[in-house]
Amino acid sequence: MPGESSRVLVECSDRVATICFGESTLTRGLLRELDQALRSLERSPAADVLILRGGRPGRFLSGPSLNEYAGLTDDESRRRFALLGQTVFKRLETSLP
């Protein structure tokens, strides 16, 4: 079940899953990959604990990418970006028992 992309690295050992972020801001791509990783963990009995880590020492996620958000030129695209984040973080909240 371990997986790797440029944005999200998933490792699992001794029933502990670790997700490490390769970016320090939330982009749509990172949110989609995080959602995919969480879906994989939900289907797998391999983990009871989930640890989230930033990809750089001393850093975690700083919030949504302001550059990406500024490029969203209409209310509907901004709404979809916010909804994607809310959906993924709701999945994170309920991903493991």
N, C-alpha and C. Protein backbone atom coordinates (compact mmCIF):
# COMPACT_ATOMS: atom_id res chain seq x y z
N MET A 1 0.78 -1.19 0.00
CA MET A 1 0.00 0.00 0.00
C MET A 1 0.84 1.28 0.00
N PRO A 2 2.12 1.22 0.32
CA PRO A 2 2.90 2.44 0.23
C PRO A 2 2.83 3.02 -1.17
N GLY A 3 2.82 4.32 -1.24
CA GLY A 3 2.74 4.99 -2.52
C GLY A 3 3.58 6.23 -2.51
N GLU A 4 3.86 6.71 -3.70
CA GLU A 4 4.71 7.88 -3.78
C GLU A 4 4.32 8.70 -4.99
N SER A 5 4.33 9.99 -4.81
CA SER A 5 4.18 10.93 -5.89
C SER A 5 5.08 12.11 -5.56
N SER A 6 5.06 13.11 -6.39
CA SER A 6 5.88 14.28 -6.10
C SER A 6 5.31 15.10 -4.95
N ARG A 7 4.03 14.91 -4.65
CA ARG A 7 3.38 15.72 -3.62
C ARG A 7 3.11 14.99 -2.32
N VAL A 8 2.88 13.68 -2.40
CA VAL A 8 2.47 12.91 -1.22
C VAL A 8 3.23 11.59 -1.20
N LEU A 9 3.87 11.30 -0.08
CA LEU A 9 4.55 10.02 0.12
C LEU A 9 3.83 9.29 1.24
N VAL A 10 3.46 8.04 0.99
CA VAL A 10 2.76 7.23 2.00
C VAL A 10 3.62 6.03 2.33
N GLU A 11 3.88 5.85 3.62
CA GLU A 11 4.61 4.68 4.10
C GLU A 11 3.79 4.03 5.20
N CYS A 12 3.93 2.73 5.32
CA CYS A 12 3.20 2.02 6.37
C CYS A 12 4.11 0.96 6.97
N SER A 13 4.21 1.00 8.30
CA SER A 13 5.05 0.04 9.01
C SER A 13 4.48 -0.17 10.41
N ASP A 14 4.40 -1.42 10.82
CA ASP A 14 3.91 -1.76 12.15
C ASP A 14 2.55 -1.12 12.45
N ARG A 15 1.67 -1.13 11.45
CA ARG A 15 0.29 -0.64 11.57
C ARG A 15 0.22 0.88 11.76
N VAL A 16 1.33 1.57 11.45
CA VAL A 16 1.37 3.03 11.50
C VAL A 16 1.62 3.54 10.08
N ALA A 17 0.68 4.33 9.57
CA ALA A 17 0.83 4.94 8.25
C ALA A 17 1.35 6.36 8.43
N THR A 18 2.27 6.75 7.58
CA THR A 18 2.80 8.11 7.60
C THR A 18 2.60 8.71 6.22
N ILE A 19 2.01 9.90 6.20
CA ILE A 19 1.87 10.66 4.97
C ILE A 19 2.79 11.87 5.11
N CYS A 20 3.70 12.00 4.16
CA CYS A 20 4.65 13.12 4.15
C CYS A 20 4.36 13.98 2.93
N PHE A 21 4.21 15.28 3.14
CA PHE A 21 3.88 16.20 2.07
C PHE A 21 5.13 16.74 1.41
N GLY A 22 5.17 16.72 0.09
CA GLY A 22 6.29 17.24 -0.66
C GLY A 22 6.15 18.72 -0.98
N GLU A 23 5.00 19.29 -0.66
CA GLU A 23 4.75 20.72 -0.86
C GLU A 23 4.39 21.32 0.48
N SER A 24 4.56 22.62 0.61
CA SER A 24 4.22 23.25 1.88
C SER A 24 2.92 24.05 1.83
N THR A 25 2.27 24.09 0.67
CA THR A 25 0.97 24.73 0.56
C THR A 25 -0.03 23.76 -0.05
N LEU A 26 -1.29 24.00 0.23
CA LEU A 26 -2.35 23.15 -0.30
C LEU A 26 -2.72 23.60 -1.70
N THR A 27 -2.42 22.75 -2.66
CA THR A 27 -2.83 22.98 -4.04
C THR A 27 -3.91 21.96 -4.36
N ARG A 28 -4.59 22.17 -5.47
CA ARG A 28 -5.60 21.18 -5.88
C ARG A 28 -4.95 19.82 -6.12
N GLY A 29 -3.76 19.82 -6.70
CA GLY A 29 -3.06 18.55 -6.94
C GLY A 29 -2.72 17.83 -5.65
N LEU A 30 -2.21 18.56 -4.67
CA LEU A 30 -1.88 17.94 -3.39
C LEU A 30 -3.15 17.42 -2.71
N LEU A 31 -4.22 18.19 -2.75
CA LEU A 31 -5.48 17.74 -2.14
C LEU A 31 -6.00 16.47 -2.81
N ARG A 32 -5.92 16.40 -4.12
CA ARG A 32 -6.38 15.19 -4.83
C ARG A 32 -5.53 13.98 -4.45
N GLU A 33 -4.22 14.17 -4.38
CA GLU A 33 -3.34 13.05 -4.03
C GLU A 33 -3.51 12.64 -2.57
N LEU A 34 -3.73 13.61 -1.69
CA LEU A 34 -4.02 13.28 -0.30
C LEU A 34 -5.32 12.50 -0.20
N ASP A 35 -6.33 12.91 -0.94
CA ASP A 35 -7.60 12.19 -0.95
C ASP A 35 -7.41 10.76 -1.43
N GLN A 36 -6.62 10.58 -2.47
CA GLN A 36 -6.35 9.23 -2.99
C GLN A 36 -5.62 8.39 -1.94
N ALA A 37 -4.64 8.96 -1.26
CA ALA A 37 -3.91 8.23 -0.22
C ALA A 37 -4.84 7.83 0.91
N LEU A 38 -5.72 8.73 1.32
CA LEU A 38 -6.65 8.42 2.40
C LEU A 38 -7.63 7.34 1.99
N ARG A 39 -8.09 7.37 0.75
CA ARG A 39 -8.98 6.31 0.24
C ARG A 39 -8.28 4.95 0.29
N SER A 40 -7.01 4.93 -0.09
CA SER A 40 -6.24 3.67 -0.04
C SER A 40 -6.13 3.17 1.39
N LEU A 41 -5.87 4.07 2.33
CA LEU A 41 -5.77 3.67 3.73
C LEU A 41 -7.10 3.15 4.27
N GLU A 42 -8.20 3.74 3.83
CA GLU A 42 -9.52 3.29 4.28
C GLU A 42 -9.80 1.85 3.85
N ARG A 43 -9.32 1.50 2.66
CA ARG A 43 -9.56 0.16 2.12
C ARG A 43 -8.58 -0.88 2.65
N SER A 44 -7.55 -0.44 3.33
CA SER A 44 -6.50 -1.34 3.76
C SER A 44 -6.55 -1.57 5.27
N PRO A 45 -6.42 -2.80 5.70
CA PRO A 45 -6.36 -3.07 7.15
C PRO A 45 -4.93 -2.90 7.69
N ALA A 46 -4.05 -2.28 6.93
CA ALA A 46 -2.63 -2.23 7.29
C ALA A 46 -2.28 -1.17 8.33
N ALA A 47 -3.20 -0.26 8.65
CA ALA A 47 -2.83 0.83 9.56
C ALA A 47 -3.94 1.13 10.56
N ASP A 48 -3.52 1.40 11.78
CA ASP A 48 -4.43 1.84 12.84
C ASP A 48 -4.14 3.27 13.25
N VAL A 49 -2.97 3.77 12.87
CA VAL A 49 -2.52 5.10 13.27
C VAL A 49 -2.08 5.83 12.01
N LEU A 50 -2.37 7.13 11.95
CA LEU A 50 -1.95 7.95 10.82
C LEU A 50 -1.16 9.15 11.33
N ILE A 51 0.03 9.33 10.77
CA ILE A 51 0.88 10.47 11.10
C ILE A 51 1.02 11.32 9.84
N LEU A 52 0.86 12.63 9.99
CA LEU A 52 1.06 13.56 8.89
C LEU A 52 2.33 14.35 9.16
N ARG A 53 3.18 14.47 8.13
CA ARG A 53 4.45 15.19 8.30
C ARG A 53 4.66 16.15 7.14
N GLY A 54 5.29 17.25 7.45
CA GLY A 54 5.74 18.16 6.40
C GLY A 54 6.97 17.58 5.73
N GLY A 55 7.18 17.95 4.50
CA GLY A 55 8.32 17.42 3.75
C GLY A 55 9.63 18.09 4.05
N ARG A 56 9.58 19.22 4.74
CA ARG A 56 10.81 19.94 5.07
C ARG A 56 10.91 20.07 6.58
N PRO A 57 12.10 19.91 7.14
CA PRO A 57 12.27 20.04 8.59
C PRO A 57 11.74 21.38 9.11
N GLY A 58 10.97 21.32 10.17
CA GLY A 58 10.45 22.53 10.80
C GLY A 58 9.27 23.15 10.09
N ARG A 59 8.74 22.51 9.05
CA ARG A 59 7.60 23.06 8.30
C ARG A 59 6.50 22.02 8.15
N PHE A 60 5.29 22.53 8.16
CA PHE A 60 4.14 21.69 7.85
C PHE A 60 3.41 22.39 6.71
N LEU A 61 2.14 22.28 6.63
CA LEU A 61 1.37 22.96 5.60
C LEU A 61 1.03 24.37 6.06
N SER A 62 1.20 25.34 5.18
CA SER A 62 0.94 26.73 5.55
C SER A 62 -0.45 27.20 5.14
N GLY A 63 -1.24 26.35 4.51
CA GLY A 63 -2.58 26.73 4.08
C GLY A 63 -2.67 26.64 2.57
N PRO A 64 -3.76 27.19 2.01
CA PRO A 64 -3.93 27.10 0.56
C PRO A 64 -2.87 27.91 -0.18
N SER A 65 -2.54 27.45 -1.36
CA SER A 65 -1.59 28.16 -2.21
C SER A 65 -2.23 29.46 -2.67
N LEU A 66 -1.68 30.57 -2.23
CA LEU A 66 -2.24 31.87 -2.62
C LEU A 66 -2.06 32.14 -4.11
N ASN A 67 -0.96 31.65 -4.67
CA ASN A 67 -0.75 31.81 -6.12
C ASN A 67 -1.82 31.06 -6.91
N GLU A 68 -2.09 29.82 -6.50
CA GLU A 68 -3.11 29.05 -7.20
C GLU A 68 -4.49 29.69 -7.01
N TYR A 69 -4.78 30.11 -5.79
CA TYR A 69 -6.08 30.72 -5.52
C TYR A 69 -6.26 32.01 -6.32
N ALA A 70 -5.22 32.80 -6.44
CA ALA A 70 -5.30 34.05 -7.21
C ALA A 70 -5.60 33.77 -8.68
N GLY A 71 -5.19 32.62 -9.17
CA GLY A 71 -5.45 32.25 -10.55
C GLY A 71 -6.87 31.76 -10.80
N LEU A 72 -7.62 31.55 -9.75
CA LEU A 72 -9.02 31.14 -9.91
C LEU A 72 -9.83 32.41 -10.14
N THR A 73 -10.33 32.58 -11.33
CA THR A 73 -10.87 33.87 -11.73
C THR A 73 -12.37 34.04 -11.52
N ASP A 74 -13.06 32.99 -11.11
CA ASP A 74 -14.50 33.15 -10.91
C ASP A 74 -14.93 32.49 -9.60
N ASP A 75 -16.09 32.88 -9.13
CA ASP A 75 -16.60 32.38 -7.85
C ASP A 75 -16.77 30.87 -7.84
N GLU A 76 -17.19 30.30 -8.97
CA GLU A 76 -17.43 28.85 -9.02
C GLU A 76 -16.12 28.08 -8.86
N SER A 77 -15.05 28.50 -9.50
CA SER A 77 -13.78 27.78 -9.36
C SER A 77 -13.24 27.93 -7.93
N ARG A 78 -13.43 29.07 -7.32
CA ARG A 78 -13.01 29.25 -5.92
C ARG A 78 -13.84 28.36 -5.00
N ARG A 79 -15.14 28.27 -5.27
CA ARG A 79 -16.02 27.42 -4.47
C ARG A 79 -15.59 25.95 -4.58
N ARG A 80 -15.26 25.50 -5.79
CA ARG A 80 -14.82 24.11 -5.99
C ARG A 80 -13.51 23.83 -5.26
N PHE A 81 -12.60 24.80 -5.27
CA PHE A 81 -11.33 24.65 -4.56
C PHE A 81 -11.59 24.49 -3.06
N ALA A 82 -12.43 25.35 -2.51
CA ALA A 82 -12.77 25.28 -1.08
C ALA A 82 -13.48 23.97 -0.76
N LEU A 83 -14.41 23.56 -1.61
CA LEU A 83 -15.15 22.32 -1.38
C LEU A 83 -14.22 21.11 -1.43
N LEU A 84 -13.26 21.11 -2.35
CA LEU A 84 -12.29 20.02 -2.41
C LEU A 84 -11.52 19.93 -1.10
N GLY A 85 -11.05 21.04 -0.60
CA GLY A 85 -10.33 21.05 0.69
C GLY A 85 -11.19 20.55 1.82
N GLN A 86 -12.43 20.99 1.89
CA GLN A 86 -13.34 20.56 2.95
C GLN A 86 -13.62 19.06 2.87
N THR A 87 -13.81 18.57 1.65
CA THR A 87 -14.08 17.14 1.46
C THR A 87 -12.89 16.29 1.89
N VAL A 88 -11.70 16.69 1.49
CA VAL A 88 -10.50 15.92 1.83
C VAL A 88 -10.26 15.94 3.34
N PHE A 89 -10.43 17.09 3.97
CA PHE A 89 -10.18 17.15 5.41
C PHE A 89 -11.27 16.44 6.21
N LYS A 90 -12.47 16.35 5.68
CA LYS A 90 -13.51 15.53 6.31
C LYS A 90 -13.11 14.05 6.21
N ARG A 91 -12.58 13.64 5.06
CA ARG A 91 -12.10 12.26 4.90
C ARG A 91 -10.95 12.00 5.87
N LEU A 92 -10.05 12.96 6.02
CA LEU A 92 -8.95 12.82 6.96
C LEU A 92 -9.47 12.61 8.38
N GLU A 93 -10.49 13.36 8.73
CA GLU A 93 -11.08 13.25 10.07
C GLU A 93 -11.64 11.85 10.34
N THR A 94 -12.14 11.19 9.32
CA THR A 94 -12.81 9.90 9.51
C THR A 94 -12.06 8.73 8.88
N SER A 95 -10.80 8.92 8.45
CA SER A 95 -10.12 7.91 7.64
C SER A 95 -9.76 6.63 8.40
N LEU A 96 -9.41 6.71 9.66
CA LEU A 96 -9.06 5.52 10.42
C LEU A 96 -9.97 5.42 11.63
N PRO A 97 -10.26 4.17 12.05
CA PRO A 97 -11.15 4.01 13.21
C PRO A 97 -10.57 4.59 14.48
